[in-house]
Amino acid sequence: MKPVVICRYAPQDGPGYFATYLTQHSIDWCLVKLDEGEALPDVNSVTGLAMMGGPMSVNDAQPWLTGMLAFIRDCVALDVPVIGHCLGGQLLSKALGGVVTRNAVKEIGWARVEIENATLARQWGPAEPFVSYHWHGETFSIPSPAIRIWSSAQCANQAFVIDKHIGMQCHIEVTDRMIDEWCETGLDEIELDLMRSPAVQTPAAMRENMTSKLEDLHRVADRVYGRWIEGL
């Protein structure tokens, strides 16, 4: 099988648990470090496209943006499954005609995710609300004819699906190492927004019961990734 290509946009935003899942299921994958200027492969050489997070906006003039959006559209047109995490979900939305705008507040830390369109949501993940990890200040619209399957109190659009593709705002791929690194590299952002947003937590709050929370979240990820690889 051709590999799943995983696009990275910042060194601290790697594939995390997503890569672990693929490896555990004997699915070949390769990492394209767009943050280091690496080029996207030929769309015909990949079996799936995964996009990770990043601190930038899809509305910024990134050197890789035009090519990335075209690559996403090519994948969708060729029925190559696409999955986007946070920034990746925003890229998928924009590529399909959606818009990305500033969210009312920043979400940084653990927060409950609600289930929308339960019948469809059950095909992609849990039937009941769950707690996920979040780190974003912007939000995507739901592109037509995609369907929203998750929401949260502070961000209405947490995930959408269209055919074999899924875009998520939350971080189901996060690991303990990633949380520790983000808390260190993003400490100034956390301190600045703690008083501005009810959805921003301190590093200590994020690390409380982190192992148990991650175990629960990775069970959610197992459901999502399991559904996604069916399309490969």
Protein backbone atom coordinates (compact mmCIF):
# COMPACT_ATOMS: atom_id res chain seq x y z
CA MET A 1 0.00 0.00 0.00
CA LYS A 2 1.14 3.54 -0.72
CA PRO A 3 1.90 5.53 2.46
CA VAL A 4 -0.25 7.97 4.37
CA VAL A 5 1.42 11.37 4.08
CA ILE A 6 1.40 13.38 7.32
CA CYS A 7 1.91 17.13 6.94
CA ARG A 8 3.67 19.00 9.75
CA TYR A 9 3.53 22.80 9.95
CA ALA A 10 5.52 23.44 13.14
CA PRO A 11 8.21 21.35 14.87
CA GLN A 12 6.25 21.07 18.13
CA ASP A 13 3.08 19.93 16.35
CA GLY A 14 4.04 16.44 15.27
CA PRO A 15 1.77 13.51 14.49
CA GLY A 16 1.65 12.28 18.08
CA TYR A 17 -0.79 9.45 18.76
CA PHE A 18 -1.95 9.43 15.14
CA ALA A 19 1.42 8.08 14.00
CA THR A 20 1.40 5.59 16.88
CA TYR A 21 -1.98 4.31 15.73
CA LEU A 22 -0.86 3.90 12.13
CA THR A 23 2.28 2.05 13.17
CA GLN A 24 0.32 -0.25 15.48
CA HIS A 25 -1.95 -1.13 12.55
CA SER A 26 0.96 -1.72 10.13
CA ILE A 27 0.05 1.26 7.94
CA ASP A 28 3.02 2.93 6.24
CA TRP A 29 3.32 6.66 6.72
CA CYS A 30 5.77 9.43 5.92
CA LEU A 31 6.18 12.87 7.48
CA VAL A 32 6.44 15.95 5.26
CA LYS A 33 7.97 18.82 7.23
CA LEU A 34 6.47 21.82 5.49
CA ASP A 35 7.91 23.99 8.25
CA GLU A 36 11.37 23.01 6.94
CA GLY A 37 10.50 23.60 3.31
CA GLU A 38 9.93 19.98 2.32
CA ALA A 39 7.80 19.47 -0.78
CA LEU A 40 4.48 17.67 -1.01
CA PRO A 41 4.58 14.38 -2.92
CA ASP A 42 2.66 13.56 -6.07
CA VAL A 43 -0.96 13.03 -5.07
CA ASN A 44 -0.99 9.70 -6.91
CA SER A 45 1.74 8.35 -4.62
CA VAL A 46 -0.24 8.55 -1.37
CA THR A 47 -3.09 6.53 0.08
CA GLY A 48 -4.23 9.13 2.62
CA LEU A 49 -3.54 12.70 3.77
CA ALA A 50 -3.25 13.71 7.42
CA MET A 51 -2.69 17.29 8.59
CA MET A 52 -1.53 18.27 12.04
CA GLY A 53 -1.78 21.48 14.07
CA GLY A 54 0.28 24.65 14.14
CA PRO A 55 0.37 28.12 15.70
CA MET A 56 -0.21 30.00 12.45
CA SER A 57 -3.47 30.97 10.74
CA VAL A 58 -4.66 29.59 7.42
CA ASN A 59 -5.39 33.23 6.59
CA ASP A 60 -1.68 34.12 6.87
CA ALA A 61 0.60 34.25 3.81
CA GLN A 62 2.40 30.98 4.42
CA PRO A 63 4.79 29.88 1.63
CA TRP A 64 3.20 26.42 1.51
CA LEU A 65 -0.47 27.50 1.73
CA THR A 66 -1.50 27.66 -1.94
CA GLY A 67 0.10 24.32 -2.73
CA MET A 68 -1.36 22.73 0.40
CA LEU A 69 -4.91 23.80 -0.41
CA ALA A 70 -4.55 22.52 -3.98
CA PHE A 71 -3.17 19.22 -2.69
CA ILE A 72 -6.16 18.81 -0.34
CA ARG A 73 -8.60 19.45 -3.17
CA ASP A 74 -6.76 16.97 -5.39
CA CYS A 75 -6.96 14.33 -2.66
CA VAL A 76 -10.70 14.85 -2.22
CA ALA A 77 -11.26 14.75 -5.99
CA LEU A 78 -9.31 11.48 -6.23
CA ASP A 79 -11.14 9.95 -3.23
CA VAL A 80 -7.97 9.90 -1.11
CA PRO A 81 -9.07 10.09 2.57
CA VAL A 82 -8.16 13.33 4.35
CA ILE A 83 -8.00 13.94 8.11
CA GLY A 84 -7.22 17.28 9.72
CA HIS A 85 -6.34 18.07 13.34
CA CYS A 86 -6.89 21.68 14.53
CA LEU A 87 -4.99 23.74 11.91
CA GLY A 88 -5.40 20.74 9.64
CA GLY A 89 -9.16 20.83 10.12
CA GLN A 90 -9.13 24.53 9.27
CA LEU A 91 -7.12 23.81 6.12
CA LEU A 92 -9.63 21.15 5.06
CA SER A 93 -12.52 23.53 5.63
CA LYS A 94 -10.87 26.32 3.65
CA ALA A 95 -9.91 24.00 0.80
CA LEU A 96 -13.56 22.93 0.51
CA GLY A 97 -14.91 26.49 0.46
CA GLY A 98 -15.28 27.18 4.18
CA VAL A 99 -13.90 30.15 6.06
CA VAL A 100 -11.70 30.42 9.13
CA THR A 101 -12.36 33.24 11.58
CA ARG A 102 -11.42 34.20 15.11
CA ASN A 103 -13.30 32.22 17.75
CA ALA A 104 -15.15 34.19 20.42
CA VAL A 105 -12.57 33.03 22.99
CA LYS A 106 -9.44 30.91 22.99
CA GLU A 107 -9.70 27.31 24.07
CA ILE A 108 -6.54 26.01 25.75
CA GLY A 109 -6.74 22.88 27.86
CA TRP A 110 -9.28 20.15 28.54
CA ALA A 111 -12.95 20.67 27.72
CA ARG A 112 -16.05 18.61 27.05
CA VAL A 113 -17.05 17.89 23.45
CA GLU A 114 -20.73 17.37 22.65
CA ILE A 115 -22.12 15.03 19.99
CA GLU A 116 -24.11 16.40 17.05
CA ASN A 117 -25.96 14.33 14.43
CA ALA A 118 -25.67 11.24 16.61
CA THR A 119 -26.25 8.63 13.91
CA LEU A 120 -23.38 9.94 11.77
CA ALA A 121 -21.22 10.76 14.78
CA ARG A 122 -21.44 7.15 16.00
CA GLN A 123 -19.87 6.03 12.73
CA TRP A 124 -16.84 8.21 13.46
CA GLY A 125 -16.48 8.11 17.22
CA PRO A 126 -18.27 7.85 20.55
CA ALA A 127 -22.00 8.22 20.93
CA GLU A 128 -21.60 10.10 24.22
CA PRO A 129 -19.86 13.40 25.03
CA PHE A 130 -16.17 13.17 25.85
CA VAL A 131 -13.35 15.36 27.11
CA SER A 132 -10.75 16.42 24.57
CA TYR A 133 -7.67 18.62 24.54
CA HIS A 134 -7.86 22.02 22.83
CA TRP A 135 -5.47 24.76 21.78
CA HIS A 136 -6.86 27.26 19.29
CA GLY A 137 -7.98 30.84 18.86
CA GLU A 138 -9.71 30.47 15.49
CA THR A 139 -12.55 28.33 14.21
CA PHE A 140 -13.67 26.91 10.87
CA SER A 141 -17.06 27.04 9.23
CA ILE A 142 -18.68 23.80 8.07
CA PRO A 143 -18.17 23.61 4.29
CA SER A 144 -21.04 22.42 2.12
CA PRO A 145 -22.11 19.61 2.04
CA ALA A 146 -20.15 18.48 5.12
CA ILE A 147 -22.00 17.71 8.36
CA ARG A 148 -21.03 18.80 11.86
CA ILE A 149 -20.64 15.92 14.33
CA TRP A 150 -19.02 17.60 17.38
CA SER A 151 -19.34 20.90 19.21
CA SER A 152 -18.28 22.48 22.50
CA ALA A 153 -19.57 25.20 24.78
CA GLN A 154 -16.99 27.70 23.57
CA CYS A 155 -16.66 26.57 19.93
CA ALA A 156 -19.69 25.38 17.99
CA ASN A 157 -17.74 23.66 15.21
CA GLN A 158 -15.46 20.99 16.67
CA ALA A 159 -15.61 18.43 13.87
CA PHE A 160 -17.21 17.82 10.49
CA VAL A 161 -17.28 14.90 8.09
CA ILE A 162 -17.83 14.61 4.39
CA ASP A 163 -17.69 11.19 2.75
CA LYS A 164 -14.41 9.58 4.00
CA HIS A 165 -12.89 12.86 5.20
CA ILE A 166 -12.92 14.46 8.65
CA GLY A 167 -11.79 17.83 9.97
CA MET A 168 -11.41 18.44 13.71
CA GLN A 169 -10.74 21.54 15.77
CA CYS A 170 -9.71 19.66 18.89
CA HIS A 171 -6.53 17.65 19.41
CA ILE A 172 -7.31 13.95 19.75
CA GLU A 173 -3.72 13.17 18.66
CA VAL A 174 -2.08 14.87 21.64
CA THR A 175 0.35 13.02 23.93
CA ASP A 176 1.78 13.81 27.36
CA ARG A 177 5.05 14.91 25.77
CA MET A 178 3.21 17.26 23.43
CA ILE A 179 1.21 18.81 26.27
CA ASP A 180 4.38 19.36 28.29
CA GLU A 181 6.13 20.98 25.33
CA TRP A 182 3.16 23.17 24.42
CA CYS A 183 2.82 24.35 28.02
CA GLU A 184 6.47 25.41 27.92
CA THR A 185 6.54 27.01 24.47
CA GLY A 186 3.08 28.55 24.88
CA LEU A 187 3.42 29.81 28.45
CA ASP A 188 3.28 33.48 27.44
CA GLU A 189 0.09 32.86 25.46
CA ILE A 190 -1.47 31.00 28.38
CA GLU A 191 -0.64 33.76 30.87
CA LEU A 192 -1.93 36.45 28.50
CA ASP A 193 -5.27 34.73 27.89
CA LEU A 194 -6.03 33.29 31.33
CA MET A 195 -7.92 36.44 32.31
CA ARG A 196 -9.50 36.88 28.89
CA SER A 197 -11.07 33.47 28.32
CA PRO A 198 -12.98 31.08 30.59
CA ALA A 199 -11.71 28.24 28.40
CA VAL A 200 -7.97 28.71 29.09
CA GLN A 201 -6.35 26.59 31.80
CA THR A 202 -3.05 26.83 33.63
CA PRO A 203 -0.32 24.28 32.88
CA ALA A 204 -0.93 22.75 36.31
CA ALA A 205 -4.63 22.27 35.52
CA MET A 206 -3.80 20.73 32.15
CA ARG A 207 -1.42 18.23 33.75
CA GLU A 208 -3.86 17.19 36.51
CA ASN A 209 -4.92 13.55 35.94
CA MET A 210 -3.30 13.85 32.51
CA THR A 211 -2.53 10.16 32.13
CA SER A 212 -6.13 9.12 32.76
CA LYS A 213 -7.50 11.84 30.47
CA LEU A 214 -5.16 10.84 27.68
CA GLU A 215 -6.14 7.18 27.99
CA ASP A 216 -9.79 8.17 27.59
CA LEU A 217 -9.01 10.53 24.70
CA HIS A 218 -6.97 7.93 22.85
CA ARG A 219 -9.91 5.55 23.03
CA VAL A 220 -11.86 8.25 21.19
CA ALA A 221 -8.98 8.60 18.74
CA ASP A 222 -9.00 4.84 18.17
CA ARG A 223 -12.63 5.09 17.04
CA VAL A 224 -11.99 8.06 14.75
CA TYR A 225 -8.79 6.68 13.24
CA GLY A 226 -10.33 3.23 12.87
CA ARG A 227 -13.18 4.68 10.82
CA TRP A 228 -10.79 6.82 8.78
CA ILE A 229 -8.44 3.98 7.78
CA GLU A 230 -11.42 2.06 6.42
CA GLY A 231 -11.31 4.48 3.49
CA LEU A 232 -7.65 3.86 2.67
